[in-house]
Amino acid sequence: MKKAKQIEVTREEATGAEPEARDREAARNNVRKIREALLMSKAELARKAGLSALTIDRIESGYECRVDTKRKIILALGLKLTDKDKVFGSSKSDSDE
């Protein structure tokens, strides 16, 4: 009996995501850490920020987001806009947008 070849596919290959870009963003993104320190659920943060829980989940997973979305999250966490680097890290793209 012949055995079928096993095909291994990484998550990045399956989703088409660029692992390097996501790893860099995830390393800078402290949204989950801060939210959990505040004992806040994803749903609560989403409601306070006026975003969907899916959007919060994606951002916490390392996906990029717009500057306006970052602003909403920072304010919903009860932080000042000057604390953006604590939440999202320093980014050249923030000043470009």
PDB file of N, CA and C in Angstrom:
ATOM      1  N   MET A   1       0.825  -1.190   0.000  1.00  0.00           N
ATOM      2  CA  MET A   1       0.000   0.000   0.000  1.00  0.00           C
ATOM      3  C   MET A   1       0.870   1.255   0.000  1.00  0.00           C
ATOM      4  N   LYS A   2       0.572   2.197  -0.835  1.00  0.00           N
ATOM      5  CA  LYS A   2       1.335   3.439  -0.896  1.00  0.00           C
ATOM      6  C   LYS A   2       0.771   4.432   0.108  1.00  0.00           C
ATOM      7  N   LYS A   3       1.664   5.150   0.746  1.00  0.00           N
ATOM      8  CA  LYS A   3       1.235   6.186   1.687  1.00  0.00           C
ATOM      9  C   LYS A   3       1.124   7.514   0.946  1.00  0.00           C
ATOM     10  N   ALA A   4       0.098   8.247   1.273  1.00  0.00           N
ATOM     11  CA  ALA A   4      -0.078   9.568   0.673  1.00  0.00           C
ATOM     12  C   ALA A   4       0.974  10.512   1.235  1.00  0.00           C
ATOM     13  N   LYS A   5       1.460  11.385   0.391  1.00  0.00           N
ATOM     14  CA  LYS A   5       2.434  12.376   0.832  1.00  0.00           C
ATOM     15  C   LYS A   5       1.763  13.352   1.789  1.00  0.00           C
ATOM     16  N   GLN A   6       2.461  13.639   2.850  1.00  0.00           N
ATOM     17  CA  GLN A   6       1.934  14.639   3.772  1.00  0.00           C
ATOM     18  C   GLN A   6       2.334  16.015   3.270  1.00  0.00           C
ATOM     19  N   ILE A   7       1.383  16.899   3.296  1.00  0.00           N
ATOM     20  CA  ILE A   7       1.638  18.265   2.866  1.00  0.00           C
ATOM     21  C   ILE A   7       1.504  19.163   4.083  1.00  0.00           C
ATOM     22  N   GLU A   8       2.575  19.848   4.388  1.00  0.00           N
ATOM     23  CA  GLU A   8       2.544  20.773   5.512  1.00  0.00           C
ATOM     24  C   GLU A   8       2.431  22.193   4.980  1.00  0.00           C
ATOM     25  N   VAL A   9       1.493  22.915   5.548  1.00  0.00           N
ATOM     26  CA  VAL A   9       1.274  24.296   5.149  1.00  0.00           C
ATOM     27  C   VAL A   9       1.318  25.148   6.407  1.00  0.00           C
ATOM     28  N   THR A  10       2.117  26.183   6.380  1.00  0.00           N
ATOM     29  CA  THR A  10       2.161  27.072   7.533  1.00  0.00           C
ATOM     30  C   THR A  10       0.940  27.976   7.518  1.00  0.00           C
ATOM     31  N   ARG A  11       0.660  28.558   8.664  1.00  0.00           N
ATOM     32  CA  ARG A  11      -0.476  29.455   8.770  1.00  0.00           C
ATOM     33  C   ARG A  11      -0.325  30.629   7.807  1.00  0.00           C
ATOM     34  N   GLU A  12       0.891  31.144   7.691  1.00  0.00           N
ATOM     35  CA  GLU A  12       1.126  32.279   6.804  1.00  0.00           C
ATOM     36  C   GLU A  12       0.869  31.913   5.350  1.00  0.00           C
ATOM     37  N   GLU A  13       1.294  30.711   4.951  1.00  0.00           N
ATOM     38  CA  GLU A  13       1.062  30.267   3.579  1.00  0.00           C
ATOM     39  C   GLU A  13      -0.428  30.075   3.327  1.00  0.00           C
ATOM     40  N   ALA A  14      -1.128  29.547   4.302  1.00  0.00           N
ATOM     41  CA  ALA A  14      -2.558  29.285   4.143  1.00  0.00           C
ATOM     42  C   ALA A  14      -3.357  30.576   4.062  1.00  0.00           C
ATOM     43  N   THR A  15      -2.952  31.583   4.841  1.00  0.00           N
ATOM     44  CA  THR A  15      -3.710  32.828   4.867  1.00  0.00           C
ATOM     45  C   THR A  15      -3.164  33.877   3.923  1.00  0.00           C
ATOM     46  N   GLY A  16      -1.973  33.634   3.387  1.00  0.00           N
ATOM     47  CA  GLY A  16      -1.362  34.614   2.504  1.00  0.00           C
ATOM     48  C   GLY A  16      -0.731  35.776   3.254  1.00  0.00           C
ATOM     49  N   ALA A  17      -0.620  35.656   4.591  1.00  0.00           N
ATOM     50  CA  ALA A  17      -0.043  36.731   5.393  1.00  0.00           C
ATOM     51  C   ALA A  17       1.471  36.752   5.252  1.00  0.00           C
ATOM     52  N   GLU A  18       2.027  37.912   5.420  1.00  0.00           N
ATOM     53  CA  GLU A  18       3.477  38.047   5.395  1.00  0.00           C
ATOM     54  C   GLU A  18       3.979  37.897   6.824  1.00  0.00           C
ATOM     55  N   PRO A  19       4.671  36.807   7.143  1.00  0.00           N
ATOM     56  CA  PRO A  19       5.060  36.553   8.531  1.00  0.00           C
ATOM     57  C   PRO A  19       5.955  37.627   9.124  1.00  0.00           C
ATOM     58  N   GLU A  20       6.877  38.178   8.365  1.00  0.00           N
ATOM     59  CA  GLU A  20       7.790  39.177   8.907  1.00  0.00           C
ATOM     60  C   GLU A  20       7.051  40.437   9.325  1.00  0.00           C
ATOM     61  N   ALA A  21       6.151  40.914   8.489  1.00  0.00           N
ATOM     62  CA  ALA A  21       5.403  42.124   8.804  1.00  0.00           C
ATOM     63  C   ALA A  21       4.515  41.908  10.019  1.00  0.00           C
ATOM     64  N   ARG A  22       3.847  40.772  10.089  1.00  0.00           N
ATOM     65  CA  ARG A  22       2.970  40.491  11.225  1.00  0.00           C
ATOM     66  C   ARG A  22       3.766  40.319  12.505  1.00  0.00           C
ATOM     67  N   ASP A  23       4.930  39.677  12.431  1.00  0.00           N
ATOM     68  CA  ASP A  23       5.754  39.490  13.616  1.00  0.00           C
ATOM     69  C   ASP A  23       6.233  40.832  14.160  1.00  0.00           C
ATOM     70  N   ARG A  24       6.621  41.733  13.266  1.00  0.00           N
ATOM     71  CA  ARG A  24       7.075  43.053  13.707  1.00  0.00           C
ATOM     72  C   ARG A  24       5.952  43.812  14.389  1.00  0.00           C
ATOM     73  N   GLU A  25       4.765  43.798  13.796  1.00  0.00           N
ATOM     74  CA  GLU A  25       3.636  44.525  14.372  1.00  0.00           C
ATOM     75  C   GLU A  25       3.219  43.896  15.690  1.00  0.00           C
ATOM     76  N   ALA A  26       3.173  42.583  15.759  1.00  0.00           N
ATOM     77  CA  ALA A  26       2.770  41.908  16.988  1.00  0.00           C
ATOM     78  C   ALA A  26       3.747  42.212  18.113  1.00  0.00           C
ATOM     79  N   ALA A  27       5.009  42.343  17.789  1.00  0.00           N
ATOM     80  CA  ALA A  27       6.014  42.632  18.806  1.00  0.00           C
ATOM     81  C   ALA A  27       5.831  44.041  19.368  1.00  0.00           C
ATOM     82  N   ARG A  28       5.357  44.970  18.551  1.00  0.00           N
ATOM     83  CA  ARG A  28       5.166  46.352  18.998  1.00  0.00           C
ATOM     84  C   ARG A  28       3.812  46.575  19.651  1.00  0.00           C
ATOM     85  N   ASN A  29       2.850  45.740  19.366  1.00  0.00           N
ATOM     86  CA  ASN A  29       1.473  45.946  19.760  1.00  0.00           C
ATOM     87  C   ASN A  29       1.231  45.432  21.182  1.00  0.00           C
ATOM     88  N   ASN A  30       0.856  46.335  22.083  1.00  0.00           N
ATOM     89  CA  ASN A  30       0.594  45.971  23.477  1.00  0.00           C
ATOM     90  C   ASN A  30      -0.883  46.067  23.838  1.00  0.00           C
ATOM     91  N   VAL A  31      -1.761  46.079  22.854  1.00  0.00           N
ATOM     92  CA  VAL A  31      -3.189  46.248  23.115  1.00  0.00           C
ATOM     93  C   VAL A  31      -3.703  45.146  24.035  1.00  0.00           C
ATOM     94  N   ARG A  32      -3.419  43.896  23.717  1.00  0.00           N
ATOM     95  CA  ARG A  32      -3.910  42.782  24.530  1.00  0.00           C
ATOM     96  C   ARG A  32      -3.380  42.876  25.961  1.00  0.00           C
ATOM     97  N   LYS A  33      -2.099  43.148  26.095  1.00  0.00           N
ATOM     98  CA  LYS A  33      -1.470  43.222  27.414  1.00  0.00           C
ATOM     99  C   LYS A  33      -2.114  44.311  28.271  1.00  0.00           C
ATOM    100  N   ILE A  34      -2.324  45.482  27.699  1.00  0.00           N
ATOM    101  CA  ILE A  34      -2.930  46.595  28.432  1.00  0.00           C
ATOM    102  C   ILE A  34      -4.391  46.299  28.740  1.00  0.00           C
ATOM    103  N   ARG A  35      -5.115  45.767  27.753  1.00  0.00           N
ATOM    104  CA  ARG A  35      -6.537  45.443  27.960  1.00  0.00           C
ATOM    105  C   ARG A  35      -6.699  44.445  29.096  1.00  0.00           C
ATOM    106  N   GLU A  36      -5.877  43.401  29.094  1.00  0.00           N
ATOM    107  CA  GLU A  36      -5.971  42.381  30.141  1.00  0.00           C
ATOM    108  C   GLU A  36      -5.564  42.936  31.502  1.00  0.00           C
ATOM    109  N   ALA A  37      -4.599  43.843  31.544  1.00  0.00           N
ATOM    110  CA  ALA A  37      -4.195  44.474  32.803  1.00  0.00           C
ATOM    111  C   ALA A  37      -5.338  45.307  33.384  1.00  0.00           C
ATOM    112  N   LEU A  38      -6.178  45.831  32.503  1.00  0.00           N
ATOM    113  CA  LEU A  38      -7.347  46.612  32.926  1.00  0.00           C
ATOM    114  C   LEU A  38      -8.565  45.728  33.189  1.00  0.00           C
ATOM    115  N   LEU A  39      -8.379  44.409  33.077  1.00  0.00           N
ATOM    116  CA  LEU A  39      -9.470  43.432  33.250  1.00  0.00           C
ATOM    117  C   LEU A  39     -10.642  43.742  32.326  1.00  0.00           C
ATOM    118  N   MET A  40     -10.328  44.084  31.097  1.00  0.00           N
ATOM    119  CA  MET A  40     -11.332  44.450  30.101  1.00  0.00           C
ATOM    120  C   MET A  40     -11.416  43.352  29.043  1.00  0.00           C
ATOM    121  N   SER A  41     -12.631  42.994  28.662  1.00  0.00           N
ATOM    122  CA  SER A  41     -12.807  41.990  27.610  1.00  0.00           C
ATOM    123  C   SER A  41     -12.640  42.643  26.238  1.00  0.00           C
ATOM    124  N   LYS A  42     -12.455  41.804  25.231  1.00  0.00           N
ATOM    125  CA  LYS A  42     -12.375  42.320  23.857  1.00  0.00           C
ATOM    126  C   LYS A  42     -13.674  43.025  23.490  1.00  0.00           C
ATOM    127  N   ALA A  43     -14.776  42.434  23.899  1.00  0.00           N
ATOM    128  CA  ALA A  43     -16.084  43.013  23.576  1.00  0.00           C
ATOM    129  C   ALA A  43     -16.251  44.384  24.226  1.00  0.00           C
ATOM    130  N   GLU A  44     -15.786  44.512  25.470  1.00  0.00           N
ATOM    131  CA  GLU A  44     -15.901  45.797  26.160  1.00  0.00           C
ATOM    132  C   GLU A  44     -15.024  46.859  25.498  1.00  0.00           C
ATOM    133  N   LEU A  45     -13.799  46.484  25.151  1.00  0.00           N
ATOM    134  CA  LEU A  45     -12.914  47.428  24.459  1.00  0.00           C
ATOM    135  C   LEU A  45     -13.515  47.827  23.114  1.00  0.00           C
ATOM    136  N   ALA A  46     -14.048  46.855  22.401  1.00  0.00           N
ATOM    137  CA  ALA A  46     -14.664  47.131  21.100  1.00  0.00           C
ATOM    138  C   ALA A  46     -15.824  48.110  21.247  1.00  0.00           C
ATOM    139  N   ARG A  47     -16.670  47.887  22.255  1.00  0.00           N
ATOM    140  CA  ARG A  47     -17.822  48.761  22.483  1.00  0.00           C
ATOM    141  C   ARG A  47     -17.366  50.178  22.824  1.00  0.00           C
ATOM    142  N   LYS A  48     -16.403  50.297  23.724  1.00  0.00           N
ATOM    143  CA  LYS A  48     -15.917  51.617  24.128  1.00  0.00           C
ATOM    144  C   LYS A  48     -15.232  52.354  22.977  1.00  0.00           C
ATOM    145  N   ALA A  49     -14.570  51.603  22.106  1.00  0.00           N
ATOM    146  CA  ALA A  49     -13.849  52.213  20.984  1.00  0.00           C
ATOM    147  C   ALA A  49     -14.736  52.424  19.763  1.00  0.00           C
ATOM    148  N   GLY A  50     -15.931  51.845  19.764  1.00  0.00           N
ATOM    149  CA  GLY A  50     -16.801  51.956  18.598  1.00  0.00           C
ATOM    150  C   GLY A  50     -16.322  51.108  17.440  1.00  0.00           C
ATOM    151  N   LEU A  51     -15.702  49.975  17.767  1.00  0.00           N
ATOM    152  CA  LEU A  51     -15.174  49.052  16.759  1.00  0.00           C
ATOM    153  C   LEU A  51     -15.792  47.683  16.970  1.00  0.00           C
ATOM    154  N   SER A  52     -15.558  46.777  16.039  1.00  0.00           N
ATOM    155  CA  SER A  52     -16.053  45.411  16.212  1.00  0.00           C
ATOM    156  C   SER A  52     -15.047  44.601  17.023  1.00  0.00           C
ATOM    157  N   ALA A  53     -15.532  43.568  17.698  1.00  0.00           N
ATOM    158  CA  ALA A  53     -14.650  42.674  18.449  1.00  0.00           C
ATOM    159  C   ALA A  53     -13.677  41.979  17.499  1.00  0.00           C
ATOM    160  N   LEU A  54     -14.112  41.729  16.276  1.00  0.00           N
ATOM    161  CA  LEU A  54     -13.238  41.112  15.274  1.00  0.00           C
ATOM    162  C   LEU A  54     -12.061  42.036  14.943  1.00  0.00           C
ATOM    163  N   THR A  55     -12.323  43.323  14.851  1.00  0.00           N
ATOM    164  CA  THR A  55     -11.250  44.286  14.595  1.00  0.00           C
ATOM    165  C   THR A  55     -10.242  44.278  15.737  1.00  0.00           C
ATOM    166  N   ILE A  56     -10.735  44.267  16.969  1.00  0.00           N
ATOM    167  CA  ILE A  56      -9.846  44.213  18.137  1.00  0.00           C
ATOM    168  C   ILE A  56      -9.015  42.940  18.091  1.00  0.00           C
ATOM    169  N   ASP A  57      -9.652  41.825  17.778  1.00  0.00           N
ATOM    170  CA  ASP A  57      -8.944  40.548  17.700  1.00  0.00           C
ATOM    171  C   ASP A  57      -7.842  40.593  16.646  1.00  0.00           C
ATOM    172  N   ARG A  58      -8.144  41.159  15.510  1.00  0.00           N
ATOM    173  CA  ARG A  58      -7.152  41.247  14.429  1.00  0.00           C
ATOM    174  C   ARG A  58      -5.968  42.124  14.828  1.00  0.00           C
ATOM    175  N   ILE A  59      -6.254  43.237  15.459  1.00  0.00           N
ATOM    176  CA  ILE A  59      -5.183  44.141  15.884  1.00  0.00           C
ATOM    177  C   ILE A  59      -4.309  43.469  16.939  1.00  0.00           C
ATOM    178  N   GLU A  60      -4.947  42.793  17.897  1.00  0.00           N
ATOM    179  CA  GLU A  60      -4.190  42.081  18.927  1.00  0.00           C
ATOM    180  C   GLU A  60      -3.372  40.939  18.334  1.00  0.00           C
ATOM    181  N   SER A  61      -3.799  40.432  17.196  1.00  0.00           N
ATOM    182  CA  SER A  61      -3.072  39.349  16.521  1.00  0.00           C
ATOM    183  C   SER A  61      -1.934  39.873  15.651  1.00  0.00           C
ATOM    184  N   GLY A  62      -1.818  41.191  15.551  1.00  0.00           N
ATOM    185  CA  GLY A  62      -0.694  41.762  14.830  1.00  0.00           C
ATOM    186  C   GLY A  62      -0.993  42.406  13.501  1.00  0.00           C
ATOM    187  N   TYR A  63      -2.266  42.473  13.119  1.00  0.00           N
ATOM    188  CA  TYR A  63      -2.591  43.120  11.852  1.00  0.00           C
ATOM    189  C   TYR A  63      -2.472  44.635  11.996  1.00  0.00           C
ATOM    190  N   GLU A  64      -2.114  45.287  10.913  1.00  0.00           N
ATOM    191  CA  GLU A  64      -2.016  46.746  10.876  1.00  0.00           C
ATOM    192  C   GLU A  64      -3.416  47.352  10.988  1.00  0.00           C
ATOM    193  N   CYS A  65      -3.471  48.605  11.436  1.00  0.00           N
ATOM    194  CA  CYS A  65      -4.747  49.321  11.452  1.00  0.00           C
ATOM    195  C   CYS A  65      -4.483  50.791  11.163  1.00  0.00           C
ATOM    196  N   ARG A  66      -5.552  51.511  10.873  1.00  0.00           N
ATOM    197  CA  ARG A  66      -5.435  52.929  10.542  1.00  0.00           C
ATOM    198  C   ARG A  66      -5.153  53.753  11.797  1.00  0.00           C
ATOM    199  N   VAL A  67      -4.650  54.939  11.597  1.00  0.00           N
ATOM    200  CA  VAL A  67      -4.331  55.836  12.703  1.00  0.00           C
ATOM    201  C   VAL A  67      -5.590  56.160  13.501  1.00  0.00           C
ATOM    202  N   ASP A  68      -6.713  56.371  12.829  1.00  0.00           N
ATOM    203  CA  ASP A  68      -7.964  56.678  13.520  1.00  0.00           C
ATOM    204  C   ASP A  68      -8.395  55.518  14.419  1.00  0.00           C
ATOM    205  N   THR A  69      -8.186  54.297  13.970  1.00  0.00           N
ATOM    206  CA  THR A  69      -8.517  53.120  14.774  1.00  0.00           C
ATOM    207  C   THR A  69      -7.612  53.059  15.997  1.00  0.00           C
ATOM    208  N   LYS A  70      -6.342  53.357  15.812  1.00  0.00           N
ATOM    209  CA  LYS A  70      -5.407  53.392  16.947  1.00  0.00           C
ATOM    210  C   LYS A  70      -5.853  54.433  17.965  1.00  0.00           C
ATOM    211  N   ARG A  71      -6.275  55.600  17.471  1.00  0.00           N
ATOM    212  CA  ARG A  71      -6.738  56.672  18.358  1.00  0.00           C
ATOM    213  C   ARG A  71      -7.932  56.214  19.187  1.00  0.00           C
ATOM    214  N   LYS A  72      -8.888  55.558  18.550  1.00  0.00           N
ATOM    215  CA  LYS A  72     -10.078  55.071  19.249  1.00  0.00           C
ATOM    216  C   LYS A  72      -9.710  54.070  20.337  1.00  0.00           C
ATOM    217  N   ILE A  73      -8.774  53.179  20.030  1.00  0.00           N
ATOM    218  CA  ILE A  73      -8.359  52.160  20.998  1.00  0.00           C
ATOM    219  C   ILE A  73      -7.643  52.798  22.182  1.00  0.00           C
ATOM    220  N   ILE A  74      -6.740  53.725  21.905  1.00  0.00           N
ATOM    221  CA  ILE A  74      -5.992  54.396  22.974  1.00  0.00           C
ATOM    222  C   ILE A  74      -6.945  55.092  23.933  1.00  0.00           C
ATOM    223  N   LEU A  75      -7.902  55.835  23.393  1.00  0.00           N
ATOM    224  CA  LEU A  75      -8.863  56.545  24.232  1.00  0.00           C
ATOM    225  C   LEU A  75      -9.774  55.576  24.984  1.00  0.00           C
ATOM    226  N   ALA A  76     -10.183  54.485  24.348  1.00  0.00           N
ATOM    227  CA  ALA A  76     -11.043  53.495  24.996  1.00  0.00           C
ATOM    228  C   ALA A  76     -10.320  52.791  26.143  1.00  0.00           C
ATOM    229  N   LEU A  77      -8.999  52.703  26.058  1.00  0.00           N
ATOM    230  CA  LEU A  77      -8.210  52.108  27.139  1.00  0.00           C
ATOM    231  C   LEU A  77      -7.993  53.096  28.288  1.00  0.00           C
ATOM    232  N   GLY A  78      -8.499  54.312  28.124  1.00  0.00           N
ATOM    233  CA  GLY A  78      -8.372  55.324  29.168  1.00  0.00           C
ATOM    234  C   GLY A  78      -7.012  55.997  29.186  1.00  0.00           C
ATOM    235  N   LEU A  79      -6.315  55.942  28.074  1.00  0.00           N
ATOM    236  CA  LEU A  79      -4.984  56.534  27.977  1.00  0.00           C
ATOM    237  C   LEU A  79      -5.046  57.840  27.199  1.00  0.00           C
ATOM    238  N   LYS A  80      -3.950  58.579  27.245  1.00  0.00           N
ATOM    239  CA  LYS A  80      -3.840  59.814  26.477  1.00  0.00           C
ATOM    240  C   LYS A  80      -3.249  59.484  25.114  1.00  0.00           C
ATOM    241  N   LEU A  81      -3.532  60.325  24.144  1.00  0.00           N
ATOM    242  CA  LEU A  81      -2.994  60.101  22.800  1.00  0.00           C
ATOM    243  C   LEU A  81      -1.467  60.122  22.795  1.00  0.00           C
ATOM    244  N   THR A  82      -0.880  60.814  23.755  1.00  0.00           N
ATOM    245  CA  THR A  82       0.582  60.842  23.849  1.00  0.00           C
ATOM    246  C   THR A  82       1.150  59.490  24.284  1.00  0.00           C
ATOM    247  N   ASP A  83       0.289  58.581  24.748  1.00  0.00           N
ATOM    248  CA  ASP A  83       0.715  57.235  25.154  1.00  0.00           C
ATOM    249  C   ASP A  83       0.709  56.249  23.992  1.00  0.00           C
ATOM    250  N   LYS A  84       0.538  56.741  22.770  1.00  0.00           N
ATOM    251  CA  LYS A  84       0.405  55.834  21.620  1.00  0.00           C
ATOM    252  C   LYS A  84       1.587  54.896  21.459  1.00  0.00           C
ATOM    253  N   ASP A  85       2.788  55.370  21.771  1.00  0.00           N
ATOM    254  CA  ASP A  85       3.966  54.510  21.632  1.00  0.00           C
ATOM    255  C   ASP A  85       3.965  53.367  22.637  1.00  0.00           C
ATOM    256  N   LYS A  86       3.348  53.575  23.800  1.00  0.00           N
ATOM    257  CA  LYS A  86       3.238  52.503  24.798  1.00  0.00           C
ATOM    258  C   LYS A  86       2.307  51.403  24.306  1.00  0.00           C
ATOM    259  N   VAL A  87       1.316  51.782  23.528  1.00  0.00           N
ATOM    260  CA  VAL A  87       0.321  50.822  23.049  1.00  0.00           C
ATOM    261  C   VAL A  87       0.753  50.188  21.730  1.00  0.00           C
ATOM    262  N   PHE A  88       1.187  50.997  20.782  1.00  0.00           N
ATOM    263  CA  PHE A  88       1.480  50.507  19.434  1.00  0.00           C
ATOM    264  C   PHE A  88       2.951  50.584  19.040  1.00  0.00           C
ATOM    265  N   GLY A  89       3.793  51.112  19.893  1.00  0.00           N
ATOM    266  CA  GLY A  89       5.197  51.263  19.538  1.00  0.00           C
ATOM    267  C   GLY A  89       5.373  52.458  18.626  1.00  0.00           C
ATOM    268  N   SER A  90       6.605  52.851  18.410  1.00  0.00           N
ATOM    269  CA  SER A  90       6.841  53.985  17.518  1.00  0.00           C
ATOM    270  C   SER A  90       6.826  53.492  16.086  1.00  0.00           C
ATOM    271  N   SER A  91       6.217  54.274  15.232  1.00  0.00           N
ATOM    272  CA  SER A  91       6.068  53.862  13.839  1.00  0.00           C
ATOM    273  C   SER A  91       6.166  55.074  12.935  1.00  0.00           C
ATOM    274  N   LYS A  92       6.932  54.954  11.875  1.00  0.00           N
ATOM    275  CA  LYS A  92       7.038  56.034  10.894  1.00  0.00           C
ATOM    276  C   LYS A  92       5.717  56.232  10.167  1.00  0.00           C
ATOM    277  N   SER A  93       4.951  55.150   9.983  1.00  0.00           N
ATOM    278  CA  SER A  93       3.705  55.233   9.221  1.00  0.00           C
ATOM    279  C   SER A  93       2.661  56.078   9.928  1.00  0.00           C
ATOM    280  N   ASP A  94       2.738  56.195  11.279  1.00  0.00           N
ATOM    281  CA  ASP A  94       1.775  57.008  12.003  1.00  0.00           C
ATOM    282  C   ASP A  94       1.870  58.473  11.593  1.00  0.00           C
ATOM    283  N   SER A  95       3.079  58.966  11.397  1.00  0.00           N
ATOM    284  CA  SER A  95       3.238  60.358  11.018  1.00  0.00           C
ATOM    285  C   SER A  95       2.971  60.578   9.538  1.00  0.00           C
ATOM    286  N   ASP A  96       3.055  59.510   8.755  1.00  0.00           N
ATOM    287  CA  ASP A  96       2.824  59.616   7.319  1.00  0.00           C
ATOM    288  C   ASP A  96       1.348  59.669   6.964  1.00  0.00           C
ATOM    289  N   GLU A  97       0.496  59.085   7.809  1.00  0.00           N
ATOM    290  CA  GLU A  97      -0.930  58.976   7.462  1.00  0.00           C
ATOM    291  C   GLU A  97      -1.711  60.169   7.927  1.00  0.00           C
TER     292      GLU A  97
END
